[in-house]
């Protein structure tokens, strides 16, 4: 059921007069660079560029934000988890992401 949310979200916005890239990102933000994602198991450059960016940001946000079932991971913990899953990410974009994190240009959300 959870794996249906990209397609359901896409269907919700496709009738709106939005930039088509928005729907493309919604539909593909859970595709993994190694082809193990969903809904279409796209691989590598088959995944739209913007969706590859959002994939990294979405994972980082999910790890560094409080959830009803767990507290947010620290920056170090989140990066360690992401490193173990790095085959899911575009390697060039992941490298840029790590550089920006190290330069403190990307920080986890502040506690509310």
PDB file of N, CA and C in Angstrom:
ATOM      1  N   UNK A   1       0.827  -1.196   0.000  1.00  0.00           N
ATOM      2  CA  UNK A   1       0.000   0.000   0.000  1.00  0.00           C
ATOM      3  C   UNK A   1       0.875   1.266   0.000  1.00  0.00           C
ATOM      4  N   UNK A   2       1.914   1.266   0.824  1.00  0.00           N
ATOM      5  CA  UNK A   2       2.790   2.436   0.891  1.00  0.00           C
ATOM      6  C   UNK A   2       3.448   2.689  -0.462  1.00  0.00           C
ATOM      7  N   UNK A   3       3.778   1.625  -1.178  1.00  0.00           N
ATOM      8  CA  UNK A   3       4.441   1.780  -2.462  1.00  0.00           C
ATOM      9  C   UNK A   3       3.522   2.365  -3.535  1.00  0.00           C
ATOM     10  N   UNK A   4       2.258   2.515  -3.239  1.00  0.00           N
ATOM     11  CA  UNK A   4       1.323   3.109  -4.194  1.00  0.00           C
ATOM     12  C   UNK A   4       1.284   4.633  -4.094  1.00  0.00           C
ATOM     13  N   UNK A   5       1.871   5.201  -3.039  1.00  0.00           N
ATOM     14  CA  UNK A   5       1.718   6.650  -2.850  1.00  0.00           C
ATOM     15  C   UNK A   5       2.325   7.494  -3.966  1.00  0.00           C
ATOM     16  N   UNK A   6       3.422   7.100  -4.620  1.00  0.00           N
ATOM     17  CA  UNK A   6       3.878   7.956  -5.729  1.00  0.00           C
ATOM     18  C   UNK A   6       2.867   8.019  -6.875  1.00  0.00           C
ATOM     19  N   UNK A   7       2.274   6.898  -7.212  1.00  0.00           N
ATOM     20  CA  UNK A   7       1.289   6.892  -8.302  1.00  0.00           C
ATOM     21  C   UNK A   7       0.014   7.628  -7.900  1.00  0.00           C
ATOM     22  N   UNK A   8      -0.414   7.445  -6.657  1.00  0.00           N
ATOM     23  CA  UNK A   8      -1.613   8.148  -6.194  1.00  0.00           C
ATOM     24  C   UNK A   8      -1.373   9.658  -6.160  1.00  0.00           C
ATOM     25  N   UNK A   9      -0.201  10.064  -5.684  1.00  0.00           N
ATOM     26  CA  UNK A   9       0.137  11.488  -5.657  1.00  0.00           C
ATOM     27  C   UNK A   9       0.204  12.078  -7.050  1.00  0.00           C
ATOM     28  N   UNK A  10       0.786  11.322  -7.978  1.00  0.00           N
ATOM     29  CA  UNK A  10       0.864  11.769  -9.363  1.00  0.00           C
ATOM     30  C   UNK A  10      -0.531  11.977  -9.934  1.00  0.00           C
ATOM     31  N   UNK A  11      -1.431  11.026  -9.689  1.00  0.00           N
ATOM     32  CA  UNK A  11      -2.800  11.139 -10.201  1.00  0.00           C
ATOM     33  C   UNK A  11      -3.522  12.347  -9.608  1.00  0.00           C
ATOM     34  N   UNK A  12      -3.220  12.666  -8.352  1.00  0.00           N
ATOM     35  CA  UNK A  12      -3.856  13.826  -7.719  1.00  0.00           C
ATOM     36  C   UNK A  12      -3.447  15.134  -8.382  1.00  0.00           C
ATOM     37  N   UNK A  13      -2.189  15.245  -8.815  1.00  0.00           N
ATOM     38  CA  UNK A  13      -1.720  16.521  -9.349  1.00  0.00           C
ATOM     39  C   UNK A  13      -1.734  16.611 -10.873  1.00  0.00           C
ATOM     40  N   UNK A  14      -1.904  15.476 -11.567  1.00  0.00           N
ATOM     41  CA  UNK A  14      -1.794  15.539 -13.025  1.00  0.00           C
ATOM     42  C   UNK A  14      -2.884  16.387 -13.678  1.00  0.00           C
ATOM     43  N   UNK A  15      -4.038  16.532 -13.038  1.00  0.00           N
ATOM     44  CA  UNK A  15      -5.107  17.342 -13.611  1.00  0.00           C
ATOM     45  C   UNK A  15      -4.923  18.838 -13.325  1.00  0.00           C
ATOM     46  N   UNK A  16      -3.984  19.154 -12.433  1.00  0.00           N
ATOM     47  CA  UNK A  16      -3.726  20.546 -12.093  1.00  0.00           C
ATOM     48  C   UNK A  16      -2.821  21.181 -13.141  1.00  0.00           C
ATOM     49  N   UNK A  17      -2.873  22.472 -13.225  1.00  0.00           N
ATOM     50  CA  UNK A  17      -2.047  23.188 -14.191  1.00  0.00           C
ATOM     51  C   UNK A  17      -0.688  23.507 -13.557  1.00  0.00           C
ATOM     52  N   UNK A  18       0.105  22.434 -13.320  1.00  0.00           N
ATOM     53  CA  UNK A  18       1.415  22.587 -12.704  1.00  0.00           C
ATOM     54  C   UNK A  18       2.502  22.250 -13.719  1.00  0.00           C
ATOM     55  N   UNK A  19       3.684  22.691 -13.441  1.00  0.00           N
ATOM     56  CA  UNK A  19       4.818  22.305 -14.262  1.00  0.00           C
ATOM     57  C   UNK A  19       4.898  20.777 -14.264  1.00  0.00           C
ATOM     58  N   UNK A  20       5.021  20.154 -15.413  1.00  0.00           N
ATOM     59  CA  UNK A  20       5.042  18.689 -15.484  1.00  0.00           C
ATOM     60  C   UNK A  20       6.175  18.048 -14.678  1.00  0.00           C
ATOM     61  N   UNK A  21       7.218  18.804 -14.409  1.00  0.00           N
ATOM     62  CA  UNK A  21       8.325  18.272 -13.612  1.00  0.00           C
ATOM     63  C   UNK A  21       7.847  17.902 -12.208  1.00  0.00           C
ATOM     64  N   UNK A  22       6.876  18.625 -11.677  1.00  0.00           N
ATOM     65  CA  UNK A  22       6.358  18.339 -10.338  1.00  0.00           C
ATOM     66  C   UNK A  22       5.750  16.942 -10.302  1.00  0.00           C
ATOM     67  N   UNK A  23       4.918  16.623 -11.266  1.00  0.00           N
ATOM     68  CA  UNK A  23       4.329  15.284 -11.327  1.00  0.00           C
ATOM     69  C   UNK A  23       5.382  14.215 -11.538  1.00  0.00           C
ATOM     70  N   UNK A  24       6.375  14.519 -12.352  1.00  0.00           N
ATOM     71  CA  UNK A  24       7.470  13.590 -12.616  1.00  0.00           C
ATOM     72  C   UNK A  24       8.232  13.258 -11.327  1.00  0.00           C
ATOM     73  N   UNK A  25       8.484  14.265 -10.515  1.00  0.00           N
ATOM     74  CA  UNK A  25       9.172  14.054  -9.239  1.00  0.00           C
ATOM     75  C   UNK A  25       8.300  13.238  -8.292  1.00  0.00           C
ATOM     76  N   UNK A  26       7.028  13.591  -8.197  1.00  0.00           N
ATOM     77  CA  UNK A  26       6.117  12.850  -7.319  1.00  0.00           C
ATOM     78  C   UNK A  26       6.091  11.373  -7.708  1.00  0.00           C
ATOM     79  N   UNK A  27       5.993  11.106  -8.984  1.00  0.00           N
ATOM     80  CA  UNK A  27       5.903   9.725  -9.461  1.00  0.00           C
ATOM     81  C   UNK A  27       7.193   8.949  -9.250  1.00  0.00           C
ATOM     82  N   UNK A  28       8.337   9.598  -9.338  1.00  0.00           N
ATOM     83  CA  UNK A  28       9.613   8.883  -9.373  1.00  0.00           C
ATOM     84  C   UNK A  28      10.525   9.091  -8.172  1.00  0.00           C
ATOM     85  N   UNK A  29      10.058   9.735  -7.101  1.00  0.00           N
ATOM     86  CA  UNK A  29      10.949  10.056  -5.991  1.00  0.00           C
ATOM     87  C   UNK A  29      11.352   8.863  -5.135  1.00  0.00           C
ATOM     88  N   UNK A  30      10.792   7.675  -5.402  1.00  0.00           N
ATOM     89  CA  UNK A  30      11.216   6.459  -4.694  1.00  0.00           C
ATOM     90  C   UNK A  30      11.915   5.460  -5.612  1.00  0.00           C
ATOM     91  N   UNK A  31      12.274   5.921  -6.805  1.00  0.00           N
ATOM     92  CA  UNK A  31      13.080   5.084  -7.692  1.00  0.00           C
ATOM     93  C   UNK A  31      14.529   5.153  -7.211  1.00  0.00           C
ATOM     94  N   UNK A  32      15.197   4.021  -7.203  1.00  0.00           N
ATOM     95  CA  UNK A  32      16.587   3.948  -6.757  1.00  0.00           C
ATOM     96  C   UNK A  32      17.517   3.820  -7.955  1.00  0.00           C
ATOM     97  N   UNK A  33      18.661   4.446  -7.860  1.00  0.00           N
ATOM     98  CA  UNK A  33      19.620   4.453  -8.961  1.00  0.00           C
ATOM     99  C   UNK A  33      20.009   3.031  -9.373  1.00  0.00           C
ATOM    100  N   UNK A  34      20.002   2.107  -8.406  1.00  0.00           N
ATOM    101  CA  UNK A  34      20.370   0.714  -8.701  1.00  0.00           C
ATOM    102  C   UNK A  34      19.211  -0.114  -9.247  1.00  0.00           C
ATOM    103  N   UNK A  35      18.047   0.511  -9.441  1.00  0.00           N
ATOM    104  CA  UNK A  35      16.900  -0.178 -10.030  1.00  0.00           C
ATOM    105  C   UNK A  35      16.007  -0.903  -9.037  1.00  0.00           C
ATOM    106  N   UNK A  36      16.258  -0.740  -7.739  1.00  0.00           N
ATOM    107  CA  UNK A  36      15.471  -1.450  -6.729  1.00  0.00           C
ATOM    108  C   UNK A  36      14.294  -0.658  -6.178  1.00  0.00           C
ATOM    109  N   UNK A  37      14.038   0.511  -6.723  1.00  0.00           N
ATOM    110  CA  UNK A  37      12.968   1.359  -6.188  1.00  0.00           C
ATOM    111  C   UNK A  37      11.610   1.029  -6.772  1.00  0.00           C
ATOM    112  N   UNK A  38      10.699   1.948  -6.580  1.00  0.00           N
ATOM    113  CA  UNK A  38       9.327   1.781  -7.071  1.00  0.00           C
ATOM    114  C   UNK A  38       8.777   3.134  -7.472  1.00  0.00           C
ATOM    115  N   UNK A  39       7.783   3.192  -8.329  1.00  0.00           N
ATOM    116  CA  UNK A  39       6.871   2.132  -8.768  1.00  0.00           C
ATOM    117  C   UNK A  39       7.324   1.371 -10.014  1.00  0.00           C
ATOM    118  N   UNK A  40       8.281   1.890 -10.796  1.00  0.00           N
ATOM    119  CA  UNK A  40       8.592   1.274 -12.094  1.00  0.00           C
ATOM    120  C   UNK A  40       9.967   0.601 -12.144  1.00  0.00           C
ATOM    121  N   UNK A  41      10.682   0.574 -11.034  1.00  0.00           N
ATOM    122  CA  UNK A  41      12.026   0.006 -10.971  1.00  0.00           C
ATOM    123  C   UNK A  41      12.945   0.613 -12.047  1.00  0.00           C
ATOM    124  N   UNK A  42      12.818   1.935 -12.225  1.00  0.00           N
ATOM    125  CA  UNK A  42      13.713   2.630 -13.142  1.00  0.00           C
ATOM    126  C   UNK A  42      15.131   2.555 -12.583  1.00  0.00           C
ATOM    127  N   UNK A  43      16.112   2.671 -13.468  1.00  0.00           N
ATOM    128  CA  UNK A  43      17.504   2.523 -13.061  1.00  0.00           C
ATOM    129  C   UNK A  43      18.345   3.643 -13.669  1.00  0.00           C
ATOM    130  N   UNK A  44      19.302   4.121 -12.896  1.00  0.00           N
ATOM    131  CA  UNK A  44      20.270   5.083 -13.401  1.00  0.00           C
ATOM    132  C   UNK A  44      19.626   6.315 -14.006  1.00  0.00           C
ATOM    133  N   UNK A  45      20.105   6.664 -15.189  1.00  0.00           N
ATOM    134  CA  UNK A  45      19.652   7.891 -15.849  1.00  0.00           C
ATOM    135  C   UNK A  45      18.234   7.774 -16.412  1.00  0.00           C
ATOM    136  N   UNK A  46      17.608   6.593 -16.293  1.00  0.00           N
ATOM    137  CA  UNK A  46      16.188   6.473 -16.650  1.00  0.00           C
ATOM    138  C   UNK A  46      15.342   7.307 -15.685  1.00  0.00           C
ATOM    139  N   UNK A  47      15.851   7.504 -14.484  1.00  0.00           N
ATOM    140  CA  UNK A  47      15.141   8.269 -13.460  1.00  0.00           C
ATOM    141  C   UNK A  47      15.337   9.752 -13.776  1.00  0.00           C
ATOM    142  N   UNK A  48      14.263  10.518 -13.833  1.00  0.00           N
ATOM    143  CA  UNK A  48      14.414  11.950 -14.114  1.00  0.00           C
ATOM    144  C   UNK A  48      15.385  12.609 -13.125  1.00  0.00           C
ATOM    145  N   UNK A  49      16.167  13.537 -13.645  1.00  0.00           N
ATOM    146  CA  UNK A  49      17.194  14.217 -12.856  1.00  0.00           C
ATOM    147  C   UNK A  49      16.630  14.808 -11.562  1.00  0.00           C
ATOM    148  N   UNK A  50      15.520  15.512 -11.664  1.00  0.00           N
ATOM    149  CA  UNK A  50      14.937  16.147 -10.475  1.00  0.00           C
ATOM    150  C   UNK A  50      14.498  15.109  -9.450  1.00  0.00           C
ATOM    151  N   UNK A  51      14.007  13.971  -9.894  1.00  0.00           N
ATOM    152  CA  UNK A  51      13.603  12.912  -8.968  1.00  0.00           C
ATOM    153  C   UNK A  51      14.823  12.308  -8.273  1.00  0.00           C
ATOM    154  N   UNK A  52      15.962  12.264  -8.967  1.00  0.00           N
ATOM    155  CA  UNK A  52      17.197  11.757  -8.341  1.00  0.00           C
ATOM    156  C   UNK A  52      17.665  12.693  -7.232  1.00  0.00           C
ATOM    157  N   UNK A  53      17.474  13.985  -7.437  1.00  0.00           N
ATOM    158  CA  UNK A  53      17.818  14.960  -6.389  1.00  0.00           C
ATOM    159  C   UNK A  53      16.882  14.787  -5.199  1.00  0.00           C
ATOM    160  N   UNK A  54      15.594  14.729  -5.473  1.00  0.00           N
ATOM    161  CA  UNK A  54      14.598  14.621  -4.402  1.00  0.00           C
ATOM    162  C   UNK A  54      14.766  13.302  -3.643  1.00  0.00           C
ATOM    163  N   UNK A  55      15.199  12.237  -4.308  1.00  0.00           N
ATOM    164  CA  UNK A  55      15.418  10.956  -3.627  1.00  0.00           C
ATOM    165  C   UNK A  55      16.400  11.120  -2.479  1.00  0.00           C
ATOM    166  N   UNK A  56      17.508  11.801  -2.741  1.00  0.00           N
ATOM    167  CA  UNK A  56      18.516  12.023  -1.700  1.00  0.00           C
ATOM    168  C   UNK A  56      17.950  12.909  -0.595  1.00  0.00           C
ATOM    169  N   UNK A  57      17.306  13.998  -0.972  1.00  0.00           N
ATOM    170  CA  UNK A  57      16.748  14.930   0.009  1.00  0.00           C
ATOM    171  C   UNK A  57      15.663  14.272   0.855  1.00  0.00           C
ATOM    172  N   UNK A  58      14.844  13.433   0.238  1.00  0.00           N
ATOM    173  CA  UNK A  58      13.758  12.761   0.943  1.00  0.00           C
ATOM    174  C   UNK A  58      14.298  11.791   1.992  1.00  0.00           C
ATOM    175  N   UNK A  59      15.313  11.027   1.628  1.00  0.00           N
ATOM    176  CA  UNK A  59      15.907  10.091   2.587  1.00  0.00           C
ATOM    177  C   UNK A  59      16.548  10.862   3.739  1.00  0.00           C
ATOM    178  N   UNK A  60      17.299  11.909   3.413  1.00  0.00           N
ATOM    179  CA  UNK A  60      17.939  12.712   4.452  1.00  0.00           C
ATOM    180  C   UNK A  60      16.909  13.309   5.400  1.00  0.00           C
ATOM    181  N   UNK A  61      15.842  13.865   4.841  1.00  0.00           N
ATOM    182  CA  UNK A  61      14.786  14.446   5.664  1.00  0.00           C
ATOM    183  C   UNK A  61      14.105  13.389   6.521  1.00  0.00           C
ATOM    184  N   UNK A  62      13.830  12.225   5.942  1.00  0.00           N
ATOM    185  CA  UNK A  62      13.172  11.157   6.701  1.00  0.00           C
ATOM    186  C   UNK A  62      14.036  10.701   7.878  1.00  0.00           C
ATOM    187  N   UNK A  63      15.330  10.624   7.663  1.00  0.00           N
ATOM    188  CA  UNK A  63      16.231  10.165   8.732  1.00  0.00           C
ATOM    189  C   UNK A  63      16.452  11.221   9.810  1.00  0.00           C
ATOM    190  N   UNK A  64      16.447  12.482   9.437  1.00  0.00           N
ATOM    191  CA  UNK A  64      16.792  13.536  10.394  1.00  0.00           C
ATOM    192  C   UNK A  64      15.563  14.235  10.981  1.00  0.00           C
ATOM    193  N   UNK A  65      14.390  13.702  10.718  1.00  0.00           N
ATOM    194  CA  UNK A  65      13.147  14.254  11.273  1.00  0.00           C
ATOM    195  C   UNK A  65      12.534  13.260  12.243  1.00  0.00           C
ATOM    196  N   UNK A  66      11.906  13.796  13.276  1.00  0.00           N
ATOM    197  CA  UNK A  66      11.164  12.925  14.196  1.00  0.00           C
ATOM    198  C   UNK A  66      10.014  12.267  13.456  1.00  0.00           C
ATOM    199  N   UNK A  67       9.756  11.027  13.790  1.00  0.00           N
ATOM    200  CA  UNK A  67       8.638  10.265  13.240  1.00  0.00           C
ATOM    201  C   UNK A  67       7.795   9.795  14.418  1.00  0.00           C
ATOM    202  N   UNK A  68       6.536   9.450  14.177  1.00  0.00           N
ATOM    203  CA  UNK A  68       5.718   8.970  15.299  1.00  0.00           C
ATOM    204  C   UNK A  68       6.308   7.729  15.976  1.00  0.00           C
ATOM    205  N   UNK A  69       7.086   6.959  15.238  1.00  0.00           N
ATOM    206  CA  UNK A  69       7.617   5.690  15.744  1.00  0.00           C
ATOM    207  C   UNK A  69       9.082   5.764  16.178  1.00  0.00           C
ATOM    208  N   UNK A  70       9.747   6.940  15.995  1.00  0.00           N
ATOM    209  CA  UNK A  70      11.136   7.082  16.438  1.00  0.00           C
ATOM    210  C   UNK A  70      11.559   8.547  16.403  1.00  0.00           C
ATOM    211  N   UNK A  71      12.575   8.840  17.194  1.00  0.00           N
ATOM    212  CA  UNK A  71      13.170  10.171  17.189  1.00  0.00           C
ATOM    213  C   UNK A  71      14.083  10.314  15.972  1.00  0.00           C
ATOM    214  N   UNK A  72      14.362  11.519  15.605  1.00  0.00           N
ATOM    215  CA  UNK A  72      15.260  11.796  14.484  1.00  0.00           C
ATOM    216  C   UNK A  72      16.648  11.249  14.787  1.00  0.00           C
ATOM    217  N   UNK A  73      17.299  10.766  13.743  1.00  0.00           N
ATOM    218  CA  UNK A  73      18.700  10.372  13.870  1.00  0.00           C
ATOM    219  C   UNK A  73      19.557  11.629  13.852  1.00  0.00           C
ATOM    220  N   UNK A  74      20.716  11.554  14.496  1.00  0.00           N
ATOM    221  CA  UNK A  74      21.671  12.657  14.421  1.00  0.00           C
ATOM    222  C   UNK A  74      22.213  12.745  13.000  1.00  0.00           C
ATOM    223  N   UNK A  75      22.858  13.847  12.699  1.00  0.00           N
ATOM    224  CA  UNK A  75      23.453  14.023  11.381  1.00  0.00           C
ATOM    225  C   UNK A  75      24.424  12.882  11.084  1.00  0.00           C
ATOM    226  N   UNK A  76      25.270  12.557  12.047  1.00  0.00           N
ATOM    227  CA  UNK A  76      26.256  11.499  11.848  1.00  0.00           C
ATOM    228  C   UNK A  76      25.583  10.150  11.608  1.00  0.00           C
ATOM    229  N   UNK A  77      24.544   9.842  12.387  1.00  0.00           N
ATOM    230  CA  UNK A  77      23.823   8.578  12.202  1.00  0.00           C
ATOM    231  C   UNK A  77      23.153   8.534  10.831  1.00  0.00           C
ATOM    232  N   UNK A  78      22.528   9.628  10.455  1.00  0.00           N
ATOM    233  CA  UNK A  78      21.836   9.681   9.164  1.00  0.00           C
ATOM    234  C   UNK A  78      22.820   9.460   8.015  1.00  0.00           C
ATOM    235  N   UNK A  79      23.961  10.123   8.072  1.00  0.00           N
ATOM    236  CA  UNK A  79      24.953   9.961   7.017  1.00  0.00           C
ATOM    237  C   UNK A  79      25.504   8.542   6.973  1.00  0.00           C
ATOM    238  N   UNK A  80      25.657   7.933   8.125  1.00  0.00           N
ATOM    239  CA  UNK A  80      26.121   6.542   8.167  1.00  0.00           C
ATOM    240  C   UNK A  80      25.108   5.600   7.519  1.00  0.00           C
ATOM    241  N   UNK A  81      23.846   5.809   7.797  1.00  0.00           N
ATOM    242  CA  UNK A  81      22.779   4.996   7.191  1.00  0.00           C
ATOM    243  C   UNK A  81      22.755   5.216   5.688  1.00  0.00           C
ATOM    244  N   UNK A  82      22.839   6.466   5.274  1.00  0.00           N
ATOM    245  CA  UNK A  82      22.812   6.772   3.843  1.00  0.00           C
ATOM    246  C   UNK A  82      24.017   6.161   3.127  1.00  0.00           C
ATOM    247  N   UNK A  83      25.162   6.159   3.773  1.00  0.00           N
ATOM    248  CA  UNK A  83      26.355   5.579   3.158  1.00  0.00           C
ATOM    249  C   UNK A  83      26.150   4.092   2.880  1.00  0.00           C
ATOM    250  N   UNK A  84      25.477   3.407   3.786  1.00  0.00           N
ATOM    251  CA  UNK A  84      25.195   1.976   3.596  1.00  0.00           C
ATOM    252  C   UNK A  84      24.190   1.742   2.472  1.00  0.00           C
ATOM    253  N   UNK A  85      23.402   2.760   2.156  1.00  0.00           N
ATOM    254  CA  UNK A  85      22.372   2.654   1.119  1.00  0.00           C
ATOM    255  C   UNK A  85      22.739   3.434  -0.143  1.00  0.00           C
ATOM    256  N   UNK A  86      23.994   3.824  -0.283  1.00  0.00           N
ATOM    257  CA  UNK A  86      24.359   4.758  -1.346  1.00  0.00           C
ATOM    258  C   UNK A  86      24.139   4.221  -2.753  1.00  0.00           C
ATOM    259  N   UNK A  87      23.967   2.918  -2.919  1.00  0.00           N
ATOM    260  CA  UNK A  87      23.670   2.392  -4.262  1.00  0.00           C
ATOM    261  C   UNK A  87      22.303   2.857  -4.754  1.00  0.00           C
ATOM    262  N   UNK A  88      21.473   3.357  -3.833  1.00  0.00           N
ATOM    263  CA  UNK A  88      20.153   3.875  -4.197  1.00  0.00           C
ATOM    264  C   UNK A  88      20.234   5.253  -4.855  1.00  0.00           C
ATOM    265  N   UNK A  89      21.360   5.935  -4.669  1.00  0.00           N
ATOM    266  CA  UNK A  89      21.478   7.331  -5.075  1.00  0.00           C
ATOM    267  C   UNK A  89      22.374   7.488  -6.300  1.00  0.00           C
ATOM    268  N   UNK A  90      22.074   8.498  -7.100  1.00  0.00           N
ATOM    269  CA  UNK A  90      22.946   8.880  -8.202  1.00  0.00           C
ATOM    270  C   UNK A  90      24.308   9.222  -7.586  1.00  0.00           C
ATOM    271  N   UNK A  91      25.377   8.517  -7.970  1.00  0.00           N
ATOM    272  CA  UNK A  91      26.669   8.747  -7.315  1.00  0.00           C
ATOM    273  C   UNK A  91      27.197  10.169  -7.449  1.00  0.00           C
ATOM    274  N   UNK A  92      26.969  10.808  -8.582  1.00  0.00           N
ATOM    275  CA  UNK A  92      27.436  12.185  -8.764  1.00  0.00           C
ATOM    276  C   UNK A  92      26.668  13.135  -7.849  1.00  0.00           C
ATOM    277  N   UNK A  93      25.353  12.972  -7.782  1.00  0.00           N
ATOM    278  CA  UNK A  93      24.541  13.840  -6.922  1.00  0.00           C
ATOM    279  C   UNK A  93      24.805  13.561  -5.447  1.00  0.00           C
ATOM    280  N   UNK A  94      25.022  12.305  -5.097  1.00  0.00           N
ATOM    281  CA  UNK A  94      25.320  11.939  -3.706  1.00  0.00           C
ATOM    282  C   UNK A  94      26.640  12.582  -3.270  1.00  0.00           C
ATOM    283  N   UNK A  95      27.624  12.596  -4.148  1.00  0.00           N
ATOM    284  CA  UNK A  95      28.912  13.223  -3.847  1.00  0.00           C
ATOM    285  C   UNK A  95      28.716  14.721  -3.594  1.00  0.00           C
ATOM    286  N   UNK A  96      27.927  15.370  -4.424  1.00  0.00           N
ATOM    287  CA  UNK A  96      27.633  16.798  -4.234  1.00  0.00           C
ATOM    288  C   UNK A  96      26.903  17.018  -2.912  1.00  0.00           C
ATOM    289  N   UNK A  97      25.921  16.165  -2.624  1.00  0.00           N
ATOM    290  CA  UNK A  97      25.185  16.247  -1.360  1.00  0.00           C
ATOM    291  C   UNK A  97      26.151  16.170  -0.182  1.00  0.00           C
ATOM    292  N   UNK A  98      27.066  15.196  -0.189  1.00  0.00           N
ATOM    293  CA  UNK A  98      28.015  15.051   0.922  1.00  0.00           C
ATOM    294  C   UNK A  98      28.912  16.272   1.051  1.00  0.00           C
ATOM    295  N   UNK A  99      29.337  16.831  -0.062  1.00  0.00           N
ATOM    296  CA  UNK A  99      30.156  18.042  -0.030  1.00  0.00           C
ATOM    297  C   UNK A  99      29.381  19.188   0.620  1.00  0.00           C
ATOM    298  N   UNK A 100      28.132  19.354   0.232  1.00  0.00           N
ATOM    299  CA  UNK A 100      27.314  20.431   0.809  1.00  0.00           C
ATOM    300  C   UNK A 100      27.065  20.211   2.297  1.00  0.00           C
ATOM    301  N   UNK A 101      26.857  18.975   2.705  1.00  0.00           N
ATOM    302  CA  UNK A 101      26.672  18.685   4.132  1.00  0.00           C
ATOM    303  C   UNK A 101      27.948  19.034   4.889  1.00  0.00           C
ATOM    304  N   UNK A 102      29.086  18.622   4.363  1.00  0.00           N
ATOM    305  CA  UNK A 102      30.367  18.889   5.037  1.00  0.00           C
ATOM    306  C   UNK A 102      30.655  20.389   5.130  1.00  0.00           C
ATOM    307  N   UNK A 103      30.160  21.145   4.175  1.00  0.00           N
ATOM    308  CA  UNK A 103      30.338  22.608   4.208  1.00  0.00           C
ATOM    309  C   UNK A 103      29.233  23.291   5.011  1.00  0.00           C
ATOM    310  N   UNK A 104      28.405  22.493   5.691  1.00  0.00           N
ATOM    311  CA  UNK A 104      27.290  22.987   6.506  1.00  0.00           C
ATOM    312  C   UNK A 104      26.281  23.796   5.712  1.00  0.00           C
ATOM    313  N   UNK A 105      26.147  23.489   4.452  1.00  0.00           N
ATOM    314  CA  UNK A 105      25.142  24.165   3.634  1.00  0.00           C
ATOM    315  C   UNK A 105      23.835  23.371   3.644  1.00  0.00           C
ATOM    316  N   UNK A 106      23.900  22.139   4.098  1.00  0.00           N
ATOM    317  CA  UNK A 106      22.691  21.304   4.264  1.00  0.00           C
ATOM    318  C   UNK A 106      22.734  20.802   5.694  1.00  0.00           C
ATOM    319  N   UNK A 107      21.742  21.169   6.460  1.00  0.00           N
ATOM    320  CA  UNK A 107      21.669  20.769   7.862  1.00  0.00           C
ATOM    321  C   UNK A 107      20.337  20.083   8.129  1.00  0.00           C
ATOM    322  N   UNK A 108      20.316  19.197   9.118  1.00  0.00           N
ATOM    323  CA  UNK A 108      19.025  18.591   9.483  1.00  0.00           C
ATOM    324  C   UNK A 108      18.075  19.642  10.015  1.00  0.00           C
ATOM    325  N   UNK A 109      16.768  19.345   9.996  1.00  0.00           N
ATOM    326  CA  UNK A 109      15.797  20.306  10.534  1.00  0.00           C
ATOM    327  C   UNK A 109      16.042  20.568  12.017  1.00  0.00           C
ATOM    328  N   UNK A 110      15.744  21.777  12.429  1.00  0.00           N
ATOM    329  CA  UNK A 110      15.859  22.112  13.844  1.00  0.00           C
ATOM    330  C   UNK A 110      14.697  21.496  14.607  1.00  0.00           C
ATOM    331  N   UNK A 111      14.951  21.039  15.829  1.00  0.00           N
ATOM    332  CA  UNK A 111      13.821  20.505  16.625  1.00  0.00           C
ATOM    333  C   UNK A 111      12.771  21.577  16.849  1.00  0.00           C
ATOM    334  N   UNK A 112      11.534  21.176  16.794  1.00  0.00           N
ATOM    335  CA  UNK A 112      10.416  22.129  16.952  1.00  0.00           C
ATOM    336  C   UNK A 112      10.258  22.552  18.385  1.00  0.00           C
TER     337      UNK A 112
END
